C-alpha cells in the first residue's frame, strides 16, 4: 500500500512540476524548453488598506476589553472604524452595542495618517455570556474609499476577577 501511495504522490509531483515549467514560444509558434524569467508580485490587501483587526478580551469582573486597528500602505485622508459588540444568546449572535471612531491626519502628532489604533473597556454589559466584536474599517484617499470587515472570536466574559502576574502590563 505504501508503494502505491509513494508512486501516486511521485506521479502527482512530477505532473505539478511539469506544468510549472514555463515555456517560451519559438519560431513559427513552436514551444521551446528555454526557461523564462518570472517576476512574482504579491498583491496588497487593497490599494490603500494594508490590514485591519478587531479583538476582545475578558478583563475580569464583567469588564470587556476591546481593541481595533486599521493600517494603510500610505498616508490617507481619513480612517473610520465602526465596532459592533455582539452577545451569544440562545445559540445566535445579537448586537448589543456599537461604537464609531473617525481618525484624521490632524489627530496624529506628525500630521500623517497611516494607522488608527484604539483600545477601550466596556462595563455596561452583563457578565456570564460570550461576546464578540465585529469591525467595519474604512479608509479614504481622495475619492477612493476602501473597506474591510473583521470578526473576533467569541470570549466568555466572567464576573470573577482575572488574576494576572505582577509582570503583566495593563
Protein backbone atom coordinates (compact mmCIF):
# COMPACT_ATOMS: atom_id res chain seq x y z
CA UNK A 1 0.00 0.00 0.00
CA UNK A 2 2.87 2.37 0.84
CA UNK A 3 4.45 1.69 -2.57
CA UNK A 4 1.24 2.64 -4.38
CA UNK A 5 0.90 5.78 -2.27
CA UNK A 6 4.51 6.82 -2.95
CA UNK A 7 4.12 6.09 -6.65
CA UNK A 8 0.92 8.14 -6.84
CA UNK A 9 2.49 11.02 -4.91
CA UNK A 10 5.59 10.89 -7.12
CA UNK A 11 3.45 10.98 -10.25
CA UNK A 12 1.41 13.90 -8.90
CA UNK A 13 4.57 15.81 -8.01
CA UNK A 14 6.10 15.15 -11.43
CA UNK A 15 2.93 16.39 -13.15
CA UNK A 16 2.85 19.51 -10.98
CA UNK A 17 6.47 20.30 -11.76
CA UNK A 18 5.98 19.68 -15.48
CA UNK A 19 3.05 22.10 -15.54
CA UNK A 20 5.01 24.73 -13.57
CA UNK A 21 7.94 24.90 -16.00
CA UNK A 22 7.44 27.98 -18.13
CA UNK A 23 7.72 27.56 -21.89
CA UNK A 24 8.74 30.25 -24.33
CA UNK A 25 7.36 30.47 -27.84
CA UNK A 26 9.93 29.78 -30.52
CA UNK A 27 9.87 30.47 -34.24
CA UNK A 28 6.64 29.75 -36.08
CA UNK A 29 4.72 29.30 -32.80
CA UNK A 30 6.63 26.26 -31.62
CA UNK A 31 7.39 25.93 -27.92
CA UNK A 32 10.93 25.56 -26.63
CA UNK A 33 12.17 24.30 -23.29
CA UNK A 34 14.00 27.55 -22.55
CA UNK A 35 13.31 28.93 -19.10
CA UNK A 36 11.60 32.27 -18.98
CA UNK A 37 12.15 34.68 -16.11
CA UNK A 38 9.15 35.05 -13.84
CA UNK A 39 8.63 38.05 -11.57
CA UNK A 40 6.40 37.27 -8.57
CA UNK A 41 4.11 40.07 -7.49
CA UNK A 42 2.43 40.00 -4.09
CA UNK A 43 -0.78 41.97 -4.21
CA UNK A 44 -1.55 44.03 -1.09
CA UNK A 45 -4.90 43.60 0.64
CA UNK A 46 -6.15 46.75 -1.01
CA UNK A 47 -4.95 49.80 -2.87
CA UNK A 48 -4.70 51.63 0.47
CA UNK A 49 -5.70 49.22 3.27
CA UNK A 50 -2.82 47.08 4.44
CA UNK A 51 -4.52 45.33 7.36
CA UNK A 52 -7.37 45.58 9.82
CA UNK A 53 -8.12 43.74 13.05
CA UNK A 54 -10.54 43.72 15.95
CA UNK A 55 -10.20 41.93 19.26
CA UNK A 56 -11.92 41.26 22.55
CA UNK A 57 -10.64 40.17 25.97
CA UNK A 58 -12.10 39.24 29.33
CA UNK A 59 -10.68 41.86 31.71
CA UNK A 60 -12.46 40.20 34.65
CA UNK A 61 -15.24 41.37 36.96
CA UNK A 62 -17.57 41.77 33.98
CA UNK A 63 -15.29 44.21 32.12
CA UNK A 64 -14.88 43.70 28.36
CA UNK A 65 -11.68 44.86 26.65
CA UNK A 66 -12.00 45.89 23.00
CA UNK A 67 -9.17 46.68 20.58
CA UNK A 68 -9.10 47.54 16.88
CA UNK A 69 -6.66 48.85 14.31
CA UNK A 70 -6.51 49.74 10.63
CA UNK A 71 -3.23 50.23 8.77
CA UNK A 72 -2.78 51.85 5.36
CA UNK A 73 0.06 51.34 2.86
CA UNK A 74 0.50 55.11 2.58
CA UNK A 75 -0.85 58.35 4.01
CA UNK A 76 -4.62 58.63 3.76
CA UNK A 77 -7.21 61.36 4.34
CA UNK A 78 -9.40 59.54 6.86
CA UNK A 79 -9.83 56.21 8.64
CA UNK A 80 -13.16 55.16 10.15
CA UNK A 81 -13.58 52.19 12.47
CA UNK A 82 -17.07 51.05 13.44
CA UNK A 83 -17.26 48.29 16.03
CA UNK A 84 -20.26 46.16 16.92
CA UNK A 85 -20.42 44.23 20.20
CA UNK A 86 -22.42 41.01 19.90
CA UNK A 87 -23.65 38.71 22.68
CA UNK A 88 -24.34 34.99 22.18
CA UNK A 89 -27.93 34.30 23.25
CA UNK A 90 -29.80 31.04 22.59
CA UNK A 91 -27.21 29.92 20.02
CA UNK A 92 -27.24 33.14 17.97
CA UNK A 93 -25.28 36.40 18.00
CA UNK A 94 -27.23 39.57 18.81
CA UNK A 95 -25.79 43.07 18.53
CA UNK A 96 -25.89 44.83 21.91
CA UNK A 97 -23.78 47.96 21.30
CA UNK A 98 -21.92 49.86 18.59
CA UNK A 99 -19.03 52.31 18.65
CA UNK A 100 -17.87 54.65 15.87
CA UNK A 101 -14.45 56.31 15.58
CA UNK A 102 -13.02 58.68 12.96
CA UNK A 103 -9.31 59.45 12.61
CA UNK A 104 -7.93 62.38 10.60
CA UNK A 105 -4.36 63.47 9.83
CA UNK A 106 -4.84 66.40 12.22
CA UNK A 107 -5.36 63.85 15.05
CA UNK A 108 -1.83 62.48 14.55
CA UNK A 109 1.20 64.06 16.27
CA UNK A 110 3.09 64.24 12.95
CA UNK A 111 0.02 65.14 10.86
CA UNK A 112 0.34 61.94 8.82
CA UNK A 113 -2.37 59.29 8.97
CA UNK A 114 -1.26 55.75 8.12
CA UNK A 115 -2.58 53.83 11.14
CA UNK A 116 -5.51 54.10 13.51
CA UNK A 117 -5.44 52.11 16.75
CA UNK A 118 -7.86 52.08 19.64
CA UNK A 119 -8.42 50.28 22.91
CA UNK A 120 -11.21 50.74 25.43
CA UNK A 121 -13.27 48.90 28.04
CA UNK A 122 -16.99 48.25 28.29
CA UNK A 123 -18.57 47.91 31.74
CA UNK A 124 -22.30 48.19 31.00
CA UNK A 125 -22.94 44.65 29.68
CA UNK A 126 -23.95 41.70 31.86
CA UNK A 127 -21.29 39.08 32.63
CA UNK A 128 -21.85 35.36 32.15
CA UNK A 129 -22.16 35.47 28.36
CA UNK A 130 -19.95 35.02 25.31
CA UNK A 131 -19.23 38.23 23.41
CA UNK A 132 -17.51 39.02 20.12
CA UNK A 133 -16.56 42.17 18.22
CA UNK A 134 -17.27 42.82 14.55
CA UNK A 135 -15.44 45.65 12.85
CA UNK A 136 -16.03 47.69 9.73
CA UNK A 137 -12.86 49.54 8.72
CA UNK A 138 -12.88 52.28 6.10
CA UNK A 139 -10.01 54.22 4.51
CA UNK A 140 -10.48 57.39 2.46
CA UNK A 141 -7.89 58.71 -0.02
CA UNK A 142 -9.15 61.39 -2.38
CA UNK A 143 -12.30 59.99 -4.00
CA UNK A 144 -11.39 56.34 -3.22
CA UNK A 145 -13.00 54.55 -0.29
CA UNK A 146 -11.85 51.05 0.71
CA UNK A 147 -13.44 48.92 3.39
CA UNK A 148 -12.65 45.71 5.25
CA UNK A 149 -14.65 43.73 7.77
CA UNK A 150 -13.22 41.88 10.77
CA UNK A 151 -14.54 39.49 13.41
CA UNK A 152 -13.07 38.46 16.73
CA UNK A 153 -13.54 35.07 18.31
CA UNK A 154 -16.22 34.75 20.95
CA UNK A 155 -14.90 35.25 24.51
CA UNK A 156 -16.65 34.35 27.75
CA UNK A 157 -16.94 37.42 29.97
CA UNK A 158 -16.88 36.34 33.60
CA UNK A 159 -17.98 38.20 36.69
CA UNK A 160 -14.94 36.82 38.54
CA UNK A 161 -11.71 38.80 38.74
CA UNK A 162 -8.99 37.78 36.31
CA UNK A 163 -5.70 37.35 38.12
CA UNK A 164 -2.53 38.35 36.30
CA UNK A 165 1.08 38.04 37.30
CA UNK A 166 2.87 41.16 38.51
CA UNK A 167 4.87 41.40 35.27
CA UNK A 168 1.77 41.55 33.03
CA UNK A 169 1.32 45.07 31.66
CA UNK A 170 -2.15 46.52 31.54
